[in-house]
Each structure stands twice: as structure tokens, then as C-alpha cells.
Amino acid sequence: MHRKVLLYTAVGVLGLALACSKSTSNPTSPSSAAQPETNAGADGSTLKAGTPSALSPSGGVQVTDPVTLTASRVTAKFQDVALTYQFQVRSGSTVVYDSGMSAGTTSGNNVTQVVPSASLNTDTDYTWRVRATYQGAFTSWSADSSLKSPVGAFIRGNEVRDPLTIGRTVGEIRGPSQFIPGVGLKLLSNQSHVLYRLPQNLQAGEISMMILGADEGTQGDKSKVFSMQEGPDEGDITDDDYRMTAELRGRNYSAPGSVTARIIPGDGNPRDFPRVQLNFDSSRWYFWRFSWVVGRVRLEVRRDSETGPAIYDSTIGAGSHPYRPDPHYVYLGSPVGRAGPIDATLPNGTYKNVYVGPNPRPAFPQ
């Protein structure tokens, strides 16, 4: 009997020790809670954190440049660690942009954003999604969101759309220039210009743009802010059968700040606009538009915006000959002609939101 009691006692002590050894094992540390799980979720996720939401753009809305993807930020379940994010943009099932697993910048309101570095096709439908990441682990992907890419920059037939605020142009740059992020393209010298080669001539339509910094104090004489001519040569804009120049005359001219234009629509007869001397403010934007149909041409200059007050607005007759150069070249500024650089581009103008075409001017981000 005494031996049985001792045996029962020994067994009980051993069981208690085993139980204590199990109950006193170290709990999971907070730092390990945010590490990759050894057992992945059914969807392959390996990070103990919430799933972010793809906030905007959504619903297939057409966005403007630059494309910016905005997602909700999330937190790890057991520890406050700095999560990163992975964004993907897809065309159908094909991934056309992947940020990698360390993207996303804080942008207030508990969101994270990324601007895709890959060029998206213009005016195209895409889906996008996002997931949170940490040291190689990742959450579930968000539900897909959809967008239509910006109309962007293009030359199609006799139409050009070129925002110039996105760090590139569909034209051909000649001479020194500078892209200013989010602002536009600055032409730095009298020889600087941008050439747009139209695959199809434009017999009726407009050339329009916003310009900052071009004023009467800049070196130039009969200086051009934009122009067009018949190709294929670029050096004889002053004696082509088809040509147009819109001018803001510089400090070397007898009346600096004078605005005028000239067009020769293939019939050998120049048509000149009234010359009006104005004072420009280099810190303000000006909207310039030249438009034409058979028999009539118009030049407008407006302060601050497309709908701002007109400081120049003149319409003149242009005869019965259609304007039909072949090929048709359009310029920001002007190539150097026989009068030399002093009569070419008015330097230091920054251009943006350029449109050439037969249709109503499209909307541009302001």
C-alpha cells in the first residue's frame, strides 16, 4: 500500500512538470508576428496584416497625366511595422506594370500612392490591384479596380495633342530646350523649336497652346511664337508657297511686344494681321490660337487661360485658295530662315497643352 501511494505521487509530480513546461514556453514575440507565415493562406498570402483597398482611379474613369494609383494603408496584426506595397497594372491578364514589393509613399489620409514608371498605351482600359508587403511576405491582393489611361500625346493624321507637362513630346526638338516637370517645355534660344510632321495636311482647323515667359524683353526682332510651312525642307519658311507665322516681336524690334501674324495660303499673296503693341507679363500664362478655314483666318491671344480676357483678337480675309501644303509642318517657335536667328523663335517661352487639328480643342489638365 505504501509503495502504491509513492508511485501515484511520483506520476502526479511528473505530469504537473510536463504541464508546466508546456504552459511556460515563451509566447510568440511581437516581432515574429509580422514575419512570413510558414503556412500560407489559401490565396498564397504569407503576411499577417489587413488587405489594402484599391481606392482610385476606379470605375473605368479616364485619368489625366500623370497616372497616380491610390490605395488604403493597412497595419500588421500584431506589431506596428512599416509595411510597403506592391502595385500591378494589367491589360487583360497581362501585367504591364509591377512596382515590386517596396513601393508606395504616404500621402496623408491613411493612403499610399504610386505613379507607374512604365508607359501605358493612350486611351486604353486597364485594371490595377495592390497588396501590402513586409520583408518578402505579402497579404492578399485587393479587388481589381479599373481605369482608362489618359488621351496622352499623339500625332494622328492631321491632329496633334501634346501636353508637354509629362516630360516628353511627340514632336522633334531642335536646339536647346528644357522640360520643366509639371509645367511644360521651355525653348531656350532663337534657334530652338519643335517640329510636328503631320501625316495628312490640315486644310481647316486650329493651332493653339499655352505659353509662359515669352515677352517683349527677350532678344529677338520679328520673332515667332509658332509657325507652319510646307515641307520637306525646314530652312525656307520665309519664302514657302504655304506658310504662316504668329509673332511676338522682341526687344530688337522698333516696337517690342507687337503681336501680328502672316499667312500665305498657296496663292502667292501674303495676308498680314494688324500689328498691335502690347505689354506682356513673363510670370503669367497666355493662350494663343490661330484658326483658319478657306477665306478666313483668325489670331487670338488671351491672358491666363483659354477663356481669359482677350488682349488680341483679329480676323482677316484669306482669299479662296485652300491651305493644303504637302507635307504639312507645324512648329513651336520657328526654324531659322534667311533673316537669321534674330527673326526665328522668341526664346525663353515655356509651352504646354499644344493642340493642332480640325476638331474642337480638347480638355487638358490645368
Protein backbone atom coordinates (compact mmCIF):
# COMPACT_ATOMS: atom_id res chain seq x y z
CA MET A 1 0.00 0.00 0.00
CA HIS A 2 2.76 2.41 0.93
CA ARG A 3 4.55 1.66 -2.36
CA LYS A 4 1.37 2.35 -4.37
CA VAL A 5 0.98 5.80 -2.73
CA LEU A 6 4.57 6.68 -3.58
CA LEU A 7 4.07 5.54 -7.15
CA TYR A 8 0.89 7.62 -7.59
CA THR A 9 2.63 10.65 -6.09
CA ALA A 10 5.61 10.33 -8.46
CA VAL A 11 3.34 10.07 -11.50
CA GLY A 12 1.40 13.18 -10.43
CA VAL A 13 4.54 15.26 -9.96
CA LEU A 14 5.85 14.19 -13.35
CA GLY A 15 2.54 15.12 -15.04
CA LEU A 16 2.50 18.55 -13.39
CA ALA A 17 6.05 19.21 -14.52
CA LEU A 18 5.18 18.32 -18.06
CA ALA A 19 2.11 20.56 -17.95
CA CYS A 20 4.15 23.44 -16.54
CA SER A 21 6.79 23.01 -19.18
CA LYS A 22 4.08 23.40 -21.85
CA SER A 23 2.36 26.37 -20.23
CA THR A 24 5.58 28.30 -19.57
CA SER A 25 7.01 28.08 -23.10
CA ASN A 26 7.89 31.54 -24.48
CA PRO A 27 4.88 33.25 -26.13
CA THR A 28 5.14 34.35 -29.77
CA SER A 29 7.13 37.58 -29.80
CA PRO A 30 5.51 40.65 -31.40
CA SER A 31 8.37 40.92 -33.91
CA SER A 32 7.77 37.43 -35.21
CA ALA A 33 4.08 38.13 -35.75
CA ALA A 34 4.84 40.32 -38.78
CA GLN A 35 7.24 37.82 -40.32
CA PRO A 36 6.28 35.44 -43.12
CA GLU A 37 3.96 32.68 -42.00
CA THR A 38 5.18 29.14 -42.52
CA ASN A 39 1.67 28.19 -43.57
CA ALA A 40 0.47 30.34 -46.47
CA GLY A 41 -3.18 31.24 -46.81
CA ALA A 42 -5.41 29.66 -49.39
CA ASP A 43 -4.61 32.56 -51.74
CA GLY A 44 -0.87 32.29 -51.12
CA SER A 45 -0.66 35.24 -48.70
CA THR A 46 2.10 34.99 -46.09
CA LEU A 47 1.75 38.24 -44.12
CA LYS A 48 -0.46 38.70 -41.04
CA ALA A 49 -1.93 42.08 -41.99
CA GLY A 50 -5.06 43.57 -43.46
CA THR A 51 -5.63 43.69 -47.20
CA PRO A 52 -5.36 47.19 -48.74
CA SER A 53 -8.08 48.57 -51.00
CA ALA A 54 -7.53 49.98 -54.49
CA LEU A 55 -9.20 53.38 -53.99
CA SER A 56 -8.64 55.48 -57.10
CA PRO A 57 -8.86 55.63 -60.00
CA SER A 58 -11.84 53.31 -60.20
CA GLY A 59 -14.93 52.58 -62.23
CA GLY A 60 -13.11 52.83 -65.56
CA VAL A 61 -12.76 56.62 -65.30
CA GLN A 62 -10.35 58.22 -67.78
CA VAL A 63 -7.46 59.78 -65.90
CA THR A 64 -5.04 62.59 -66.77
CA ASP A 65 -1.26 62.61 -66.66
CA PRO A 66 0.49 61.67 -64.52
CA VAL A 67 -1.41 58.46 -63.72
CA THR A 68 -1.48 58.10 -59.91
CA LEU A 69 -2.70 54.95 -58.14
CA THR A 70 -4.04 55.48 -54.62
CA ALA A 71 -4.63 52.66 -52.11
CA SER A 72 -5.52 52.44 -48.45
CA ARG A 73 -2.72 51.77 -45.99
CA VAL A 74 -3.06 48.81 -43.63
CA THR A 75 -1.32 47.58 -40.48
CA ALA A 76 0.21 44.31 -39.36
CA LYS A 77 -1.97 42.34 -36.95
CA PHE A 78 0.43 42.01 -34.02
CA GLN A 79 3.03 44.76 -34.36
CA ASP A 80 3.35 48.28 -35.74
CA VAL A 81 5.87 47.85 -38.56
CA ALA A 82 6.46 49.89 -41.71
CA LEU A 83 4.70 47.99 -44.47
CA THR A 84 5.45 48.54 -48.13
CA TYR A 85 3.13 47.95 -51.08
CA GLN A 86 3.15 46.23 -54.42
CA PHE A 87 1.06 47.67 -57.26
CA GLN A 88 0.25 45.93 -60.53
CA VAL A 89 -1.43 47.30 -63.66
CA ARG A 90 -2.83 44.77 -66.11
CA SER A 91 -4.20 44.77 -69.63
CA GLY A 92 -6.48 41.74 -69.63
CA SER A 93 -4.39 39.09 -67.89
CA THR A 94 -1.04 40.62 -68.91
CA VAL A 95 0.87 42.59 -66.27
CA VAL A 96 2.14 45.78 -67.94
CA TYR A 97 3.49 47.41 -64.77
CA ASP A 98 4.70 45.92 -61.49
CA SER A 99 6.12 48.23 -58.82
CA GLY A 100 7.94 45.46 -56.98
CA MET A 101 7.47 44.88 -53.27
CA SER A 102 8.78 48.18 -51.93
CA ALA A 103 6.54 50.83 -53.46
CA GLY A 104 4.07 53.30 -52.02
CA THR A 105 4.54 56.70 -50.46
CA THR A 106 2.48 58.14 -47.65
CA SER A 107 0.18 60.88 -48.88
CA GLY A 108 -1.99 61.74 -45.90
CA ASN A 109 -5.46 60.45 -45.04
CA ASN A 110 -4.03 56.99 -44.40
CA VAL A 111 -3.38 56.26 -48.07
CA THR A 112 -0.39 55.27 -50.15
CA GLN A 113 0.30 56.24 -53.76
CA VAL A 114 2.49 55.31 -56.70
CA VAL A 115 2.98 56.74 -60.20
CA PRO A 116 3.64 53.86 -62.62
CA SER A 117 7.05 54.17 -64.24
CA ALA A 118 6.02 52.16 -67.30
CA SER A 119 4.39 53.98 -70.20
CA LEU A 120 0.77 52.98 -70.64
CA ASN A 121 -0.88 52.98 -74.03
CA THR A 122 -3.03 56.06 -74.52
CA ASP A 123 -6.82 55.95 -74.21
CA THR A 124 -6.78 52.26 -73.12
CA ASP A 125 -8.69 50.29 -70.47
CA TYR A 126 -6.65 48.76 -67.64
CA THR A 127 -7.22 47.09 -64.26
CA TRP A 128 -4.97 47.51 -61.24
CA ARG A 129 -4.53 45.98 -57.80
CA VAL A 130 -2.35 46.31 -54.70
CA ARG A 131 -1.13 44.26 -51.75
CA ALA A 132 0.88 45.03 -48.61
CA THR A 133 4.37 43.56 -48.20
CA TYR A 134 6.98 43.21 -45.47
CA GLN A 135 10.41 41.58 -45.76
CA GLY A 136 9.32 39.28 -48.57
CA ALA A 137 5.92 38.40 -47.10
CA PHE A 138 2.68 39.69 -48.61
CA THR A 139 -1.04 39.96 -47.98
CA SER A 140 -3.87 39.03 -50.30
CA TRP A 141 -4.31 41.17 -53.39
CA SER A 142 -7.00 43.82 -53.28
CA ALA A 143 -10.01 43.52 -55.51
CA ASP A 144 -9.31 44.83 -59.03
CA SER A 145 -10.05 48.45 -59.83
CA SER A 146 -10.31 49.84 -63.36
CA LEU A 147 -9.21 52.94 -65.26
CA LYS A 148 -8.84 54.31 -68.76
CA SER A 149 -5.40 55.75 -69.45
CA PRO A 150 -5.01 59.41 -70.48
CA VAL A 151 -5.60 60.54 -74.01
CA GLY A 152 -1.93 61.49 -73.73
CA ALA A 153 0.27 62.81 -76.53
CA PHE A 154 -0.16 61.82 -80.15
CA ILE A 155 0.08 62.69 -83.83
CA ARG A 156 -2.75 61.11 -85.82
CA GLY A 157 -3.46 62.15 -89.37
CA ASN A 158 -3.83 65.93 -89.24
CA GLU A 159 -4.24 66.13 -85.46
CA VAL A 160 -1.69 66.68 -82.66
CA ARG A 161 -2.21 66.60 -78.90
CA ASP A 162 0.93 67.33 -76.88
CA PRO A 163 0.59 68.30 -73.18
CA LEU A 164 4.40 68.77 -72.74
CA THR A 165 3.87 68.62 -68.97
CA ILE A 166 4.69 64.89 -68.92
CA GLY A 167 8.38 65.25 -69.76
CA ARG A 168 8.18 64.24 -73.42
CA THR A 169 6.89 65.43 -76.77
CA VAL A 170 5.58 63.70 -79.89
CA GLY A 171 7.36 66.37 -81.91
CA GLU A 172 11.05 66.69 -82.81
CA ILE A 173 13.08 69.08 -80.67
CA ARG A 174 15.68 71.25 -82.35
CA GLY A 175 18.17 73.33 -80.37
CA PRO A 176 18.49 73.80 -76.59
CA SER A 177 15.37 73.23 -74.53
CA GLN A 178 14.32 72.16 -71.05
CA PHE A 179 11.41 70.11 -69.78
CA ILE A 180 10.12 71.57 -66.51
CA PRO A 181 8.24 68.83 -64.62
CA GLY A 182 4.52 69.51 -64.49
CA VAL A 183 4.99 72.88 -66.22
CA GLY A 184 6.00 72.39 -69.84
CA LEU A 185 8.81 72.66 -72.40
CA LYS A 186 11.00 75.76 -72.40
CA LEU A 187 12.68 76.84 -75.65
CA LEU A 188 15.99 78.41 -74.64
CA SER A 189 17.33 80.12 -77.76
CA ASN A 190 16.37 81.76 -81.04
CA GLN A 191 17.29 78.51 -82.83
CA SER A 192 15.16 76.29 -80.53
CA HIS A 193 11.92 74.89 -81.91
CA VAL A 194 9.72 71.79 -82.02
CA LEU A 195 8.64 70.26 -85.33
CA TYR A 196 5.40 68.33 -85.82
CA ARG A 197 5.18 66.46 -89.13
CA LEU A 198 1.52 65.98 -90.00
CA PRO A 199 0.91 62.74 -91.92
CA GLN A 200 -2.10 64.47 -93.52
CA ASN A 201 -2.39 68.17 -94.26
CA LEU A 202 -4.81 70.30 -92.26
CA GLN A 203 -6.85 72.48 -94.60
CA ALA A 204 -9.09 73.97 -91.89
CA GLY A 205 -8.57 73.90 -88.13
CA GLU A 206 -6.50 75.48 -85.41
CA ILE A 207 -3.12 75.64 -83.70
CA SER A 208 -3.45 76.51 -80.01
CA MET A 209 -1.33 76.37 -76.86
CA MET A 210 -0.49 77.99 -73.53
CA ILE A 211 2.78 79.97 -73.29
CA LEU A 212 4.59 81.33 -70.22
CA GLY A 213 7.58 83.64 -70.11
CA ALA A 214 7.65 84.91 -73.70
CA ASP A 215 7.66 88.70 -73.60
CA GLU A 216 8.95 91.80 -75.35
CA GLY A 217 12.12 91.92 -73.23
CA THR A 218 13.60 88.83 -74.84
CA GLN A 219 16.21 89.03 -77.60
CA GLY A 220 14.52 88.95 -80.96
CA ASP A 221 13.28 91.04 -83.86
CA LYS A 222 10.39 89.65 -85.94
CA SER A 223 10.28 86.68 -83.60
CA LYS A 224 7.89 83.73 -83.90
CA VAL A 225 5.94 82.02 -81.16
CA PHE A 226 4.67 79.34 -83.54
CA SER A 227 4.52 78.78 -87.28
CA MET A 228 3.79 76.33 -90.08
CA GLN A 229 5.07 75.68 -93.59
CA GLU A 230 5.17 73.22 -96.44
CA GLY A 231 7.96 70.63 -96.13
CA PRO A 232 10.10 68.75 -96.65
CA ASP A 233 12.76 71.46 -96.23
CA GLU A 234 12.94 73.30 -92.91
CA GLY A 235 15.09 76.26 -93.84
CA ASP A 236 12.97 78.44 -96.12
CA ILE A 237 9.91 79.29 -94.04
CA THR A 238 10.11 82.90 -95.26
CA ASP A 239 9.58 82.00 -98.93
CA ASP A 240 7.39 78.88 -98.99
CA ASP A 241 4.16 78.92 -101.00
CA TYR A 242 2.31 77.73 -97.90
CA ARG A 243 3.37 79.29 -94.65
CA MET A 244 2.12 81.00 -91.50
CA THR A 245 3.92 82.78 -88.67
CA ALA A 246 2.41 84.05 -85.40
CA GLU A 247 4.73 86.69 -83.98
CA LEU A 248 5.55 88.40 -80.72
CA ARG A 249 8.31 90.83 -81.56
CA GLY A 250 11.28 91.08 -79.22
CA ARG A 251 13.45 93.83 -77.82
CA ASN A 252 15.44 94.27 -81.04
CA TYR A 253 12.33 95.37 -82.93
CA SER A 254 11.33 99.04 -83.16
CA ALA A 255 8.08 98.36 -81.26
CA PRO A 256 8.81 95.47 -78.82
CA GLY A 257 5.77 93.47 -77.77
CA SER A 258 3.99 93.85 -81.09
CA VAL A 259 1.68 90.96 -81.95
CA THR A 260 0.88 90.09 -85.55
CA ALA A 261 0.71 87.17 -87.96
CA ARG A 262 1.11 86.41 -91.64
CA ILE A 263 -0.27 83.62 -93.81
CA ILE A 264 0.32 82.73 -97.46
CA PRO A 265 -2.23 80.07 -98.45
CA GLY A 266 -0.59 78.83 -101.64
CA ASP A 267 -1.73 81.64 -103.93
CA GLY A 268 1.40 83.78 -103.61
CA ASN A 269 -0.40 86.61 -101.80
CA PRO A 270 0.60 87.31 -98.18
CA ARG A 271 -2.16 88.24 -95.73
CA ASP A 272 -0.94 90.28 -92.76
CA PHE A 273 -2.75 90.80 -89.47
CA PRO A 274 -2.88 94.19 -87.78
CA ARG A 275 0.22 94.83 -85.67
CA VAL A 276 -0.64 95.79 -82.09
CA GLN A 277 1.97 96.64 -79.45
CA LEU A 278 1.22 95.04 -76.06
CA ASN A 279 2.88 94.64 -72.68
CA PHE A 280 3.35 91.01 -71.64
CA ASP A 281 3.96 89.77 -68.12
CA SER A 282 6.53 86.96 -68.13
CA SER A 283 5.07 85.50 -64.92
CA ARG A 284 1.66 84.85 -66.50
CA TRP A 285 0.37 82.28 -68.95
CA TYR A 286 -1.09 83.38 -72.29
CA PHE A 287 -3.34 81.35 -74.56
CA TRP A 288 -2.51 81.66 -78.27
CA ARG A 289 -4.74 80.33 -81.03
CA PHE A 290 -4.54 80.61 -84.80
CA SER A 291 -7.54 79.19 -86.71
CA TRP A 292 -8.40 79.05 -90.39
CA VAL A 293 -10.93 77.97 -92.98
CA VAL A 294 -10.95 78.75 -96.69
CA GLY A 295 -11.33 82.52 -97.00
CA ARG A 296 -10.89 83.49 -93.34
CA VAL A 297 -8.16 83.34 -90.65
CA ARG A 298 -8.12 84.44 -87.01
CA LEU A 299 -5.47 85.09 -84.33
CA GLU A 300 -6.36 85.25 -80.62
CA VAL A 301 -4.21 85.92 -77.56
CA ARG A 302 -5.85 85.59 -74.13
CA ARG A 303 -4.47 86.24 -70.67
CA ASP A 304 -4.27 83.43 -68.06
CA SER A 305 -6.44 80.77 -69.71
CA GLU A 306 -8.34 79.67 -72.82
CA THR A 307 -11.33 81.69 -71.64
CA GLY A 308 -9.40 84.60 -70.17
CA PRO A 309 -9.69 88.20 -71.36
CA ALA A 310 -8.60 88.69 -74.97
CA ILE A 311 -5.69 91.08 -75.40
CA TYR A 312 -5.57 90.46 -79.16
CA ASP A 313 -8.33 89.10 -81.39
CA SER A 314 -8.33 89.75 -85.11
CA THR A 315 -9.96 88.06 -88.12
CA ILE A 316 -8.96 88.81 -91.72
CA GLY A 317 -9.82 87.50 -95.17
CA ALA A 318 -7.58 84.92 -96.81
CA GLY A 319 -8.84 84.54 -100.39
CA SER A 320 -10.40 81.49 -101.98
CA HIS A 321 -7.40 79.18 -102.12
CA PRO A 322 -7.44 76.29 -99.61
CA TYR A 323 -4.45 75.90 -97.32
CA ARG A 324 -3.10 72.49 -98.42
CA PRO A 325 0.68 72.12 -98.00
CA ASP A 326 2.15 68.70 -98.75
CA PRO A 327 3.79 67.76 -96.46
CA HIS A 328 2.43 69.94 -93.69
CA TYR A 329 4.85 71.01 -90.91
CA VAL A 330 3.85 72.83 -87.72
CA TYR A 331 6.35 74.37 -85.28
CA LEU A 332 6.55 75.71 -81.78
CA GLY A 333 8.79 78.66 -82.48
CA SER A 334 10.29 78.60 -85.95
CA PRO A 335 13.31 77.23 -87.78
CA VAL A 336 15.94 79.76 -88.77
CA GLY A 337 15.16 81.36 -92.13
CA ARG A 338 17.09 83.67 -94.43
CA ALA A 339 16.87 86.58 -91.95
CA GLY A 340 18.88 84.60 -89.40
CA PRO A 341 18.28 83.56 -85.75
CA ILE A 342 17.14 87.02 -84.66
CA ASP A 343 13.91 86.50 -86.64
CA ALA A 344 13.35 82.89 -85.59
CA THR A 345 12.00 81.67 -82.21
CA LEU A 346 11.35 84.12 -79.38
CA PRO A 347 13.42 82.42 -76.65
CA ASN A 348 12.54 81.57 -73.04
CA GLY A 349 8.90 80.74 -73.71
CA THR A 350 7.55 77.68 -71.88
CA TYR A 351 4.88 75.82 -73.87
CA LYS A 352 2.20 73.40 -72.76
CA ASN A 353 -1.15 71.93 -73.87
CA VAL A 354 -0.49 72.13 -77.58
CA TYR A 355 -3.31 71.20 -79.96
CA VAL A 356 -3.33 71.11 -83.76
CA GLY A 357 -6.33 69.77 -85.59
CA PRO A 358 -9.73 70.09 -87.23
CA ASN A 359 -11.79 69.37 -84.11
CA PRO A 360 -12.75 71.47 -81.08
CA ARG A 361 -9.77 71.92 -78.75
CA PRO A 362 -9.71 69.00 -76.25
CA ALA A 363 -9.56 69.37 -72.49
CA PHE A 364 -6.11 69.47 -70.88
CA PRO A 365 -5.23 69.25 -67.17
CA GLN A 366 -4.54 72.74 -65.86
